[in-house]
Amino acid sequence: MDSLFSYLYIVFLPQVFDGLVVGMAIVLVALGLTLIFGLLGVLNLAHGELYIAGGYAAVALVAAGLPFWLAVFAAPFLAVGIGFMIQQFGLGPLQGRPHYPILTLLLTFGISLILREAAQTLAGPDPLRLAPPVTGVLVVGEIFLPKYRVVVFAISAALVAALWWGLHRTLLGAVLRAVAYDRQMTASLGIPTRLVFIGTFAMGSFLAGLAGVLLTPIYSISPESGHGFILLAFATIIIGGMGSVFGAVVAGLAVGQMFSLGSLWIPPVWAETLIFVAMLLVLIVRPQGLFSQIGRG
């Protein structure tokens, strides 16, 4: 019994915490996806490249002498700039055309390939990593938690809470939800829906870039990093329900736990496979996602 308790306390609980850190990072990426889908009806296949844009920008800024915490704020704006160009010059001209969803899928897939090749050309194929700005461990009883991962979890949780509050407790959030519900009605009321589209895409891009910055000291960054993360984010929004912020949060935390706890007993590749098995089961049993009834916001 003592050995079981020690295993749960020393091995299992730290792994649960690690799953929370991974899950909250996935939530940041998935929230950007679900906001863009909820408002524009676009599945942005280049969203993973916005994630690596934030990571690479942070590496470059820190190498140039900028303190890490300033880079955390500044680096995601590269992702915002790329996202603005995608929305303004790619998705914007396609609005109103026949087969809009298919056209946007093809467009964003092509953009993702271009951005991935650009990253490999400019930064090389080798992974890059930042030194954690916070070192050491936090000791809770007999549990040792890396301090930087605690900081990442706290920042991610605060951002998710702020985003939920902004969407459901502010006038701007009410406008976003109204545009998502009926864009023609809101446009007839004088709401500048075009600016809402641009702002929402910028917000989603910022969240993806920020996740890239925060995770680079933990997992490193490479041209292929975005591909792996976007698959986890897609699994998250499919399980949680397309367009549902609440669903993205719950499913993201669950996905993080499946990966982290699964890695205790099986190879990480198989643990990741469990996530997609869960996604497949949800598609079979409830194709609209577990929390689709919560609403698109």
C-alpha atoms as a PDB file:
ATOM      1  CA  MET A   1       0.000   0.000   0.000  1.00  0.00           C
ATOM      2  CA  ASP A   2       2.855   2.374   0.861  1.00  0.00           C
ATOM      3  CA  SER A   3       4.547   1.685  -2.472  1.00  0.00           C
ATOM      4  CA  LEU A   4       1.279   2.368  -4.311  1.00  0.00           C
ATOM      5  CA  PHE A   5       0.822   5.618  -2.403  1.00  0.00           C
ATOM      6  CA  SER A   6       4.407   6.641  -3.156  1.00  0.00           C
ATOM      7  CA  TYR A   7       3.886   5.879  -6.845  1.00  0.00           C
ATOM      8  CA  LEU A   8       0.710   7.940  -6.987  1.00  0.00           C
ATOM      9  CA  TYR A   9       2.226  10.808  -5.030  1.00  0.00           C
ATOM     10  CA  ILE A  10       5.683  11.002  -6.581  1.00  0.00           C
ATOM     11  CA  VAL A  11       5.067   9.793 -10.154  1.00  0.00           C
ATOM     12  CA  PHE A  12       1.350  10.058 -10.977  1.00  0.00           C
ATOM     13  CA  LEU A  13       0.542  13.532  -9.604  1.00  0.00           C
ATOM     14  CA  PRO A  14       3.504  15.300 -11.282  1.00  0.00           C
ATOM     15  CA  GLN A  15       2.440  13.654 -14.536  1.00  0.00           C
ATOM     16  CA  VAL A  16      -1.092  14.988 -14.016  1.00  0.00           C
ATOM     17  CA  PHE A  17       0.351  18.478 -13.572  1.00  0.00           C
ATOM     18  CA  ASP A  18       2.441  18.069 -16.724  1.00  0.00           C
ATOM     19  CA  GLY A  19      -0.753  17.104 -18.549  1.00  0.00           C
ATOM     20  CA  LEU A  20      -2.366  20.314 -17.315  1.00  0.00           C
ATOM     21  CA  VAL A  21       0.528  22.366 -18.697  1.00  0.00           C
ATOM     22  CA  VAL A  22       0.361  20.615 -22.081  1.00  0.00           C
ATOM     23  CA  GLY A  23      -3.428  20.824 -22.058  1.00  0.00           C
ATOM     24  CA  MET A  24      -3.493  24.573 -21.388  1.00  0.00           C
ATOM     25  CA  ALA A  25      -1.017  25.172 -24.222  1.00  0.00           C
ATOM     26  CA  ILE A  26      -3.215  23.109 -26.544  1.00  0.00           C
ATOM     27  CA  VAL A  27      -6.196  25.146 -25.342  1.00  0.00           C
ATOM     28  CA  LEU A  28      -4.478  28.394 -26.387  1.00  0.00           C
ATOM     29  CA  VAL A  29      -3.962  27.053 -29.916  1.00  0.00           C
ATOM     30  CA  ALA A  30      -7.418  25.460 -30.083  1.00  0.00           C
ATOM     31  CA  LEU A  31      -9.152  28.615 -28.847  1.00  0.00           C
ATOM     32  CA  GLY A  32      -7.684  30.571 -31.736  1.00  0.00           C
ATOM     33  CA  LEU A  33      -8.943  27.923 -34.140  1.00  0.00           C
ATOM     34  CA  THR A  34     -12.408  27.776 -32.631  1.00  0.00           C
ATOM     35  CA  LEU A  35     -12.790  31.575 -32.529  1.00  0.00           C
ATOM     36  CA  ILE A  36     -11.890  31.826 -36.209  1.00  0.00           C
ATOM     37  CA  PHE A  37     -14.197  28.951 -37.128  1.00  0.00           C
ATOM     38  CA  GLY A  38     -17.054  30.261 -34.985  1.00  0.00           C
ATOM     39  CA  LEU A  39     -16.954  33.681 -36.625  1.00  0.00           C
ATOM     40  CA  LEU A  40     -15.707  33.037 -40.158  1.00  0.00           C
ATOM     41  CA  GLY A  41     -16.556  29.373 -40.667  1.00  0.00           C
ATOM     42  CA  VAL A  42     -12.902  28.806 -41.643  1.00  0.00           C
ATOM     43  CA  LEU A  43     -10.738  25.870 -40.573  1.00  0.00           C
ATOM     44  CA  ASN A  44      -7.331  27.531 -40.755  1.00  0.00           C
ATOM     45  CA  LEU A  45      -4.865  24.784 -41.691  1.00  0.00           C
ATOM     46  CA  ALA A  46      -2.019  27.308 -41.404  1.00  0.00           C
ATOM     47  CA  HIS A  47      -2.715  27.862 -37.704  1.00  0.00           C
ATOM     48  CA  GLY A  48       0.151  25.563 -36.689  1.00  0.00           C
ATOM     49  CA  GLU A  49       2.572  27.769 -38.617  1.00  0.00           C
ATOM     50  CA  LEU A  50       1.338  30.754 -36.596  1.00  0.00           C
ATOM     51  CA  TYR A  51       2.370  28.746 -33.520  1.00  0.00           C
ATOM     52  CA  ILE A  52       5.935  28.267 -34.811  1.00  0.00           C
ATOM     53  CA  ALA A  53       6.095  31.902 -35.936  1.00  0.00           C
ATOM     54  CA  GLY A  54       5.763  32.964 -32.314  1.00  0.00           C
ATOM     55  CA  GLY A  55       8.455  30.523 -31.220  1.00  0.00           C
ATOM     56  CA  TYR A  56      10.938  31.524 -33.914  1.00  0.00           C
ATOM     57  CA  ALA A  57      10.316  35.232 -33.303  1.00  0.00           C
ATOM     58  CA  ALA A  58      11.027  34.737 -29.595  1.00  0.00           C
ATOM     59  CA  VAL A  59      14.292  32.903 -30.358  1.00  0.00           C
ATOM     60  CA  ALA A  60      15.379  35.733 -32.664  1.00  0.00           C
ATOM     61  CA  LEU A  61      14.417  38.483 -30.206  1.00  0.00           C
ATOM     62  CA  VAL A  62      16.162  36.839 -27.264  1.00  0.00           C
ATOM     63  CA  ALA A  63      19.268  36.238 -29.415  1.00  0.00           C
ATOM     64  CA  ALA A  64      19.205  39.971 -30.241  1.00  0.00           C
ATOM     65  CA  GLY A  65      19.311  40.791 -26.518  1.00  0.00           C
ATOM     66  CA  LEU A  66      15.647  41.319 -25.645  1.00  0.00           C
ATOM     67  CA  PRO A  67      14.661  39.907 -22.228  1.00  0.00           C
ATOM     68  CA  PHE A  68      12.492  36.804 -22.453  1.00  0.00           C
ATOM     69  CA  TRP A  69       9.414  38.352 -20.835  1.00  0.00           C
ATOM     70  CA  LEU A  70       9.450  41.236 -23.314  1.00  0.00           C
ATOM     71  CA  ALA A  71       9.768  38.681 -26.102  1.00  0.00           C
ATOM     72  CA  VAL A  72       6.680  36.923 -24.717  1.00  0.00           C
ATOM     73  CA  PHE A  73       4.725  40.081 -25.455  1.00  0.00           C
ATOM     74  CA  ALA A  74       6.429  41.095 -28.716  1.00  0.00           C
ATOM     75  CA  ALA A  75       6.987  37.771 -30.519  1.00  0.00           C
ATOM     76  CA  PRO A  76       3.312  36.797 -31.020  1.00  0.00           C
ATOM     77  CA  PHE A  77       2.831  39.926 -33.119  1.00  0.00           C
ATOM     78  CA  LEU A  78       4.723  38.204 -35.939  1.00  0.00           C
ATOM     79  CA  ALA A  79       1.945  35.616 -35.894  1.00  0.00           C
ATOM     80  CA  VAL A  80      -0.608  38.442 -35.803  1.00  0.00           C
ATOM     81  CA  GLY A  81       0.988  40.046 -38.880  1.00  0.00           C
ATOM     82  CA  ILE A  82       0.972  36.761 -40.791  1.00  0.00           C
ATOM     83  CA  GLY A  83      -2.613  36.103 -39.699  1.00  0.00           C
ATOM     84  CA  PHE A  84      -3.649  39.586 -40.859  1.00  0.00           C
ATOM     85  CA  MET A  85      -2.204  38.954 -44.322  1.00  0.00           C
ATOM     86  CA  ILE A  86      -3.902  35.552 -44.530  1.00  0.00           C
ATOM     87  CA  GLN A  87      -7.262  37.049 -43.628  1.00  0.00           C
ATOM     88  CA  GLN A  88      -6.952  40.289 -45.580  1.00  0.00           C
ATOM     89  CA  PHE A  89      -5.407  39.085 -48.815  1.00  0.00           C
ATOM     90  CA  GLY A  90      -6.359  35.406 -48.814  1.00  0.00           C
ATOM     91  CA  LEU A  91      -9.644  34.718 -47.050  1.00  0.00           C
ATOM     92  CA  GLY A  92     -11.218  38.152 -47.505  1.00  0.00           C
ATOM     93  CA  PRO A  93     -11.442  38.021 -51.324  1.00  0.00           C
ATOM     94  CA  LEU A  94     -12.970  34.532 -51.120  1.00  0.00           C
ATOM     95  CA  GLN A  95     -15.941  35.563 -48.956  1.00  0.00           C
ATOM     96  CA  GLY A  96     -19.243  35.138 -50.747  1.00  0.00           C
ATOM     97  CA  ARG A  97     -17.835  32.871 -53.433  1.00  0.00           C
ATOM     98  CA  PRO A  98     -19.314  29.426 -54.136  1.00  0.00           C
ATOM     99  CA  HIS A  99     -17.688  26.536 -52.256  1.00  0.00           C
ATOM    100  CA  TYR A 100     -16.171  28.978 -49.748  1.00  0.00           C
ATOM    101  CA  PRO A 101     -15.293  26.309 -47.103  1.00  0.00           C
ATOM    102  CA  ILE A 102     -13.422  24.141 -49.619  1.00  0.00           C
ATOM    103  CA  LEU A 103     -11.606  27.138 -51.080  1.00  0.00           C
ATOM    104  CA  THR A 104     -10.446  28.267 -47.639  1.00  0.00           C
ATOM    105  CA  LEU A 105      -9.215  24.774 -46.770  1.00  0.00           C
ATOM    106  CA  LEU A 106      -7.156  24.612 -49.957  1.00  0.00           C
ATOM    107  CA  LEU A 107      -5.846  28.147 -49.481  1.00  0.00           C
ATOM    108  CA  THR A 108      -4.777  27.724 -45.854  1.00  0.00           C
ATOM    109  CA  PHE A 109      -3.240  24.316 -46.610  1.00  0.00           C
ATOM    110  CA  GLY A 110      -1.118  25.892 -49.337  1.00  0.00           C
ATOM    111  CA  ILE A 111      -0.137  28.752 -47.037  1.00  0.00           C
ATOM    112  CA  SER A 112       0.896  26.268 -44.333  1.00  0.00           C
ATOM    113  CA  LEU A 113       3.245  24.527 -46.785  1.00  0.00           C
ATOM    114  CA  ILE A 114       4.752  27.853 -47.861  1.00  0.00           C
ATOM    115  CA  LEU A 115       5.285  29.001 -44.271  1.00  0.00           C
ATOM    116  CA  ARG A 116       6.798  25.674 -43.249  1.00  0.00           C
ATOM    117  CA  GLU A 117       9.290  25.780 -46.121  1.00  0.00           C
ATOM    118  CA  ALA A 118      10.070  29.420 -45.321  1.00  0.00           C
ATOM    119  CA  ALA A 119      10.810  28.500 -41.701  1.00  0.00           C
ATOM    120  CA  GLN A 120      13.110  25.696 -42.791  1.00  0.00           C
ATOM    121  CA  THR A 121      14.925  27.958 -45.250  1.00  0.00           C
ATOM    122  CA  LEU A 122      15.385  30.827 -42.796  1.00  0.00           C
ATOM    123  CA  ALA A 123      16.037  28.931 -39.547  1.00  0.00           C
ATOM    124  CA  GLY A 124      17.163  25.502 -40.722  1.00  0.00           C
ATOM    125  CA  PRO A 125      15.658  22.090 -39.981  1.00  0.00           C
ATOM    126  CA  ASP A 126      17.225  21.637 -36.535  1.00  0.00           C
ATOM    127  CA  PRO A 127      15.113  22.291 -33.413  1.00  0.00           C
ATOM    128  CA  LEU A 128      15.825  25.514 -31.507  1.00  0.00           C
ATOM    129  CA  ARG A 129      15.193  26.038 -27.811  1.00  0.00           C
ATOM    130  CA  LEU A 130      15.210  28.966 -25.419  1.00  0.00           C
ATOM    131  CA  ALA A 131      16.625  28.734 -21.911  1.00  0.00           C
ATOM    132  CA  PRO A 132      13.771  28.820 -19.371  1.00  0.00           C
ATOM    133  CA  PRO A 133      13.621  32.281 -17.775  1.00  0.00           C
ATOM    134  CA  VAL A 134      12.624  30.680 -14.474  1.00  0.00           C
ATOM    135  CA  THR A 135      14.748  27.794 -13.235  1.00  0.00           C
ATOM    136  CA  GLY A 136      14.528  25.415 -10.316  1.00  0.00           C
ATOM    137  CA  VAL A 137      11.664  23.408  -8.929  1.00  0.00           C
ATOM    138  CA  LEU A 138       8.737  24.085  -6.664  1.00  0.00           C
ATOM    139  CA  VAL A 139       8.587  21.515  -3.872  1.00  0.00           C
ATOM    140  CA  VAL A 140       5.099  20.570  -2.690  1.00  0.00           C
ATOM    141  CA  GLY A 141       5.516  17.866  -0.076  1.00  0.00           C
ATOM    142  CA  GLU A 142       7.463  15.236  -1.967  1.00  0.00           C
ATOM    143  CA  ILE A 143       6.368  16.466  -5.401  1.00  0.00           C
ATOM    144  CA  PHE A 144       8.857  18.426  -7.510  1.00  0.00           C
ATOM    145  CA  LEU A 145       7.316  20.745 -10.075  1.00  0.00           C
ATOM    146  CA  PRO A 146       9.501  22.734 -12.512  1.00  0.00           C
ATOM    147  CA  LYS A 147       8.870  26.393 -11.738  1.00  0.00           C
ATOM    148  CA  TYR A 148       8.718  27.437 -15.378  1.00  0.00           C
ATOM    149  CA  ARG A 149       5.952  24.939 -16.097  1.00  0.00           C
ATOM    150  CA  VAL A 150       4.022  26.329 -13.136  1.00  0.00           C
ATOM    151  CA  VAL A 151       4.403  29.808 -14.632  1.00  0.00           C
ATOM    152  CA  VAL A 152       3.263  28.609 -18.078  1.00  0.00           C
ATOM    153  CA  PHE A 153       0.182  26.987 -16.557  1.00  0.00           C
ATOM    154  CA  ALA A 154      -0.666  30.132 -14.566  1.00  0.00           C
ATOM    155  CA  ILE A 155      -0.294  32.426 -17.596  1.00  0.00           C
ATOM    156  CA  SER A 156      -2.338  30.122 -19.826  1.00  0.00           C
ATOM    157  CA  ALA A 157      -5.100  29.705 -17.242  1.00  0.00           C
ATOM    158  CA  ALA A 158      -5.278  33.475 -16.686  1.00  0.00           C
ATOM    159  CA  LEU A 159      -5.538  34.092 -20.442  1.00  0.00           C
ATOM    160  CA  VAL A 160      -8.290  31.515 -20.868  1.00  0.00           C
ATOM    161  CA  ALA A 161     -10.232  33.030 -17.961  1.00  0.00           C
ATOM    162  CA  ALA A 162      -9.772  36.550 -19.376  1.00  0.00           C
ATOM    163  CA  LEU A 163     -10.915  35.428 -22.815  1.00  0.00           C
ATOM    164  CA  TRP A 164     -14.025  33.748 -21.409  1.00  0.00           C
ATOM    165  CA  TRP A 165     -14.828  36.862 -19.371  1.00  0.00           C
ATOM    166  CA  GLY A 166     -14.305  39.090 -22.400  1.00  0.00           C
ATOM    167  CA  LEU A 167     -16.578  36.977 -24.599  1.00  0.00           C
ATOM    168  CA  HIS A 168     -19.400  36.639 -22.080  1.00  0.00           C
ATOM    169  CA  ARG A 169     -19.202  39.749 -19.897  1.00  0.00           C
ATOM    170  CA  THR A 170     -18.262  42.639 -22.194  1.00  0.00           C
ATOM    171  CA  LEU A 171     -19.916  44.588 -24.997  1.00  0.00           C
ATOM    172  CA  LEU A 172     -17.185  43.571 -27.422  1.00  0.00           C
ATOM    173  CA  GLY A 173     -17.811  39.920 -26.596  1.00  0.00           C
ATOM    174  CA  ALA A 174     -21.521  40.403 -27.201  1.00  0.00           C
ATOM    175  CA  VAL A 175     -20.736  41.931 -30.601  1.00  0.00           C
ATOM    176  CA  LEU A 176     -18.489  38.993 -31.536  1.00  0.00           C
ATOM    177  CA  ARG A 177     -21.147  36.473 -30.560  1.00  0.00           C
ATOM    178  CA  ALA A 178     -23.826  38.427 -32.433  1.00  0.00           C
ATOM    179  CA  VAL A 179     -21.724  38.509 -35.619  1.00  0.00           C
ATOM    180  CA  ALA A 180     -21.066  34.782 -35.298  1.00  0.00           C
ATOM    181  CA  TYR A 181     -24.795  34.137 -34.906  1.00  0.00           C
ATOM    182  CA  ASP A 182     -26.046  36.333 -37.769  1.00  0.00           C
ATOM    183  CA  ARG A 183     -23.534  38.466 -39.642  1.00  0.00           C
ATOM    184  CA  GLN A 184     -26.113  39.935 -42.053  1.00  0.00           C
ATOM    185  CA  MET A 185     -28.322  41.199 -39.234  1.00  0.00           C
ATOM    186  CA  THR A 186     -25.393  42.740 -37.358  1.00  0.00           C
ATOM    187  CA  ALA A 187     -24.090  44.366 -40.535  1.00  0.00           C
ATOM    188  CA  SER A 188     -27.529  45.913 -41.109  1.00  0.00           C
ATOM    189  CA  LEU A 189     -27.309  47.401 -37.611  1.00  0.00           C
ATOM    190  CA  GLY A 190     -24.143  49.260 -38.555  1.00  0.00           C
ATOM    191  CA  ILE A 191     -21.611  46.970 -36.874  1.00  0.00           C
ATOM    192  CA  PRO A 192     -18.366  46.919 -38.910  1.00  0.00           C
ATOM    193  CA  THR A 193     -18.261  43.165 -39.435  1.00  0.00           C
ATOM    194  CA  ARG A 194     -15.110  43.387 -41.563  1.00  0.00           C
ATOM    195  CA  LEU A 195     -13.190  44.880 -38.636  1.00  0.00           C
ATOM    196  CA  VAL A 196     -14.660  42.202 -36.364  1.00  0.00           C
ATOM    197  CA  PHE A 197     -13.361  39.505 -38.723  1.00  0.00           C
ATOM    198  CA  ILE A 198      -9.885  41.064 -38.795  1.00  0.00           C
ATOM    199  CA  GLY A 199      -9.806  41.509 -35.009  1.00  0.00           C
ATOM    200  CA  THR A 200     -10.920  37.950 -34.346  1.00  0.00           C
ATOM    201  CA  PHE A 201      -8.335  36.510 -36.728  1.00  0.00           C
ATOM    202  CA  ALA A 202      -5.682  38.665 -35.069  1.00  0.00           C
ATOM    203  CA  MET A 203      -6.745  37.433 -31.622  1.00  0.00           C
ATOM    204  CA  GLY A 204      -6.614  33.798 -32.689  1.00  0.00           C
ATOM    205  CA  SER A 205      -3.208  34.344 -34.307  1.00  0.00           C
ATOM    206  CA  PHE A 206      -1.873  36.015 -31.151  1.00  0.00           C
ATOM    207  CA  LEU A 207      -2.956  33.069 -28.990  1.00  0.00           C
ATOM    208  CA  ALA A 208      -1.226  30.613 -31.321  1.00  0.00           C
ATOM    209  CA  GLY A 209       1.967  32.688 -31.409  1.00  0.00           C
ATOM    210  CA  LEU A 210       1.939  33.090 -27.632  1.00  0.00           C
ATOM    211  CA  ALA A 211       1.647  29.327 -27.169  1.00  0.00           C
ATOM    212  CA  GLY A 212       4.698  28.949 -29.413  1.00  0.00           C
ATOM    213  CA  VAL A 213       6.693  31.401 -27.275  1.00  0.00           C
ATOM    214  CA  LEU A 214       5.735  29.825 -23.957  1.00  0.00           C
ATOM    215  CA  LEU A 215       6.458  26.254 -25.075  1.00  0.00           C
ATOM    216  CA  THR A 216       9.766  26.841 -26.858  1.00  0.00           C
ATOM    217  CA  PRO A 217      11.760  26.589 -23.586  1.00  0.00           C
ATOM    218  CA  ILE A 218      10.002  23.260 -22.869  1.00  0.00           C
ATOM    219  CA  TYR A 219       9.672  21.436 -26.195  1.00  0.00           C
ATOM    220  CA  SER A 220      11.881  23.503 -28.575  1.00  0.00           C
ATOM    221  CA  ILE A 221      10.673  24.742 -31.956  1.00  0.00           C
ATOM    222  CA  SER A 222      11.227  23.405 -35.467  1.00  0.00           C
ATOM    223  CA  PRO A 223       9.538  23.731 -38.870  1.00  0.00           C
ATOM    224  CA  GLU A 224       7.549  20.562 -38.113  1.00  0.00           C
ATOM    225  CA  SER A 225       6.398  21.626 -34.626  1.00  0.00           C
ATOM    226  CA  GLY A 226       3.330  23.396 -35.949  1.00  0.00           C
ATOM    227  CA  HIS A 227       2.124  20.294 -37.786  1.00  0.00           C
ATOM    228  CA  GLY A 228       2.080  18.182 -34.615  1.00  0.00           C
ATOM    229  CA  PHE A 229       0.409  20.866 -32.534  1.00  0.00           C
ATOM    230  CA  ILE A 230      -2.265  21.678 -35.098  1.00  0.00           C
ATOM    231  CA  LEU A 231      -3.303  18.007 -35.180  1.00  0.00           C
ATOM    232  CA  LEU A 232      -3.770  18.050 -31.401  1.00  0.00           C
ATOM    233  CA  ALA A 233      -5.689  21.330 -31.655  1.00  0.00           C
ATOM    234  CA  PHE A 234      -7.985  19.921 -34.363  1.00  0.00           C
ATOM    235  CA  ALA A 235      -8.619  16.838 -32.231  1.00  0.00           C
ATOM    236  CA  THR A 236      -9.467  19.177 -29.354  1.00  0.00           C
ATOM    237  CA  ILE A 237     -12.044  21.245 -31.214  1.00  0.00           C
ATOM    238  CA  ILE A 238     -13.601  18.150 -32.794  1.00  0.00           C
ATOM    239  CA  ILE A 239     -13.970  16.467 -29.397  1.00  0.00           C
ATOM    240  CA  GLY A 240     -15.150  19.644 -27.675  1.00  0.00           C
ATOM    241  CA  GLY A 241     -17.435  20.857 -30.460  1.00  0.00           C
ATOM    242  CA  MET A 242     -16.648  23.141 -33.370  1.00  0.00           C
ATOM    243  CA  GLY A 243     -17.014  26.788 -32.367  1.00  0.00           C
ATOM    244  CA  SER A 244     -17.467  26.120 -28.640  1.00  0.00           C
ATOM    245  CA  VAL A 245     -14.996  27.934 -26.361  1.00  0.00           C
ATOM    246  CA  PHE A 246     -16.086  25.891 -23.339  1.00  0.00           C
ATOM    247  CA  GLY A 247     -15.702  22.686 -25.326  1.00  0.00           C
ATOM    248  CA  ALA A 248     -12.207  23.680 -26.472  1.00  0.00           C
ATOM    249  CA  VAL A 249     -11.093  24.263 -22.872  1.00  0.00           C
ATOM    250  CA  VAL A 250     -12.515  21.010 -21.493  1.00  0.00           C
ATOM    251  CA  ALA A 251     -11.339  18.914 -24.439  1.00  0.00           C
ATOM    252  CA  GLY A 252      -7.891  20.552 -24.448  1.00  0.00           C
ATOM    253  CA  LEU A 253      -7.321  19.672 -20.798  1.00  0.00           C
ATOM    254  CA  ALA A 254      -8.554  16.121 -21.461  1.00  0.00           C
ATOM    255  CA  VAL A 255      -6.241  15.763 -24.453  1.00  0.00           C
ATOM    256  CA  GLY A 256      -3.309  16.957 -22.349  1.00  0.00           C
ATOM    257  CA  GLN A 257      -4.074  14.338 -19.703  1.00  0.00           C
ATOM    258  CA  MET A 258      -4.464  11.562 -22.281  1.00  0.00           C
ATOM    259  CA  PHE A 259      -1.047  12.362 -23.697  1.00  0.00           C
ATOM    260  CA  SER A 260       0.726  12.871 -20.374  1.00  0.00           C
ATOM    261  CA  LEU A 261      -0.772   9.961 -18.418  1.00  0.00           C
ATOM    262  CA  GLY A 262      -0.699   7.674 -21.424  1.00  0.00           C
ATOM    263  CA  SER A 263       3.042   8.303 -21.717  1.00  0.00           C
ATOM    264  CA  LEU A 264       3.514   6.757 -18.278  1.00  0.00           C
ATOM    265  CA  TRP A 265       2.682   3.280 -19.529  1.00  0.00           C
ATOM    266  CA  ILE A 266       3.026   3.339 -23.316  1.00  0.00           C
ATOM    267  CA  PRO A 267       5.376   5.076 -25.786  1.00  0.00           C
ATOM    268  CA  PRO A 268       4.470   8.746 -26.447  1.00  0.00           C
ATOM    269  CA  VAL A 269       3.602   7.937 -30.078  1.00  0.00           C
ATOM    270  CA  TRP A 270       0.953   5.475 -28.896  1.00  0.00           C
ATOM    271  CA  ALA A 271      -0.249   7.936 -26.270  1.00  0.00           C
ATOM    272  CA  GLU A 272      -0.835  10.447 -29.055  1.00  0.00           C
ATOM    273  CA  THR A 273      -2.691   7.757 -30.983  1.00  0.00           C
ATOM    274  CA  LEU A 274      -5.100   7.426 -28.035  1.00  0.00           C
ATOM    275  CA  ILE A 275      -6.129  11.027 -28.594  1.00  0.00           C
ATOM    276  CA  PHE A 276      -7.117  10.370 -32.191  1.00  0.00           C
ATOM    277  CA  VAL A 277      -8.926   7.181 -31.191  1.00  0.00           C
ATOM    278  CA  ALA A 278     -10.959   9.313 -28.763  1.00  0.00           C
ATOM    279  CA  MET A 279     -11.615  11.804 -31.564  1.00  0.00           C
ATOM    280  CA  LEU A 280     -12.810   8.994 -33.840  1.00  0.00           C
ATOM    281  CA  LEU A 281     -15.180   7.688 -31.151  1.00  0.00           C
ATOM    282  CA  VAL A 282     -16.646  11.165 -30.674  1.00  0.00           C
ATOM    283  CA  LEU A 283     -17.155  11.518 -34.432  1.00  0.00           C
ATOM    284  CA  ILE A 284     -18.999   8.185 -34.476  1.00  0.00           C
ATOM    285  CA  VAL A 285     -21.153   8.746 -31.391  1.00  0.00           C
ATOM    286  CA  ARG A 286     -21.648  12.535 -31.469  1.00  0.00           C
ATOM    287  CA  PRO A 287     -20.339  14.073 -34.704  1.00  0.00           C
ATOM    288  CA  GLN A 288     -21.117  17.636 -33.603  1.00  0.00           C
ATOM    289  CA  GLY A 289     -18.799  17.311 -30.579  1.00  0.00           C
ATOM    290  CA  LEU A 290     -19.449  16.840 -26.881  1.00  0.00           C
ATOM    291  CA  PHE A 291     -20.295  20.473 -26.114  1.00  0.00           C
ATOM    292  CA  SER A 292     -21.736  21.743 -29.357  1.00  0.00           C
ATOM    293  CA  GLN A 293     -24.962  22.732 -27.606  1.00  0.00           C
ATOM    294  CA  ILE A 294     -23.078  25.283 -25.510  1.00  0.00           C
ATOM    295  CA  GLY A 295     -23.115  27.550 -28.532  1.00  0.00           C
ATOM    296  CA  ARG A 296     -20.650  28.882 -31.012  1.00  0.00           C
ATOM    297  CA  GLY A 297     -19.123  31.308 -28.531  1.00  0.00           C
END
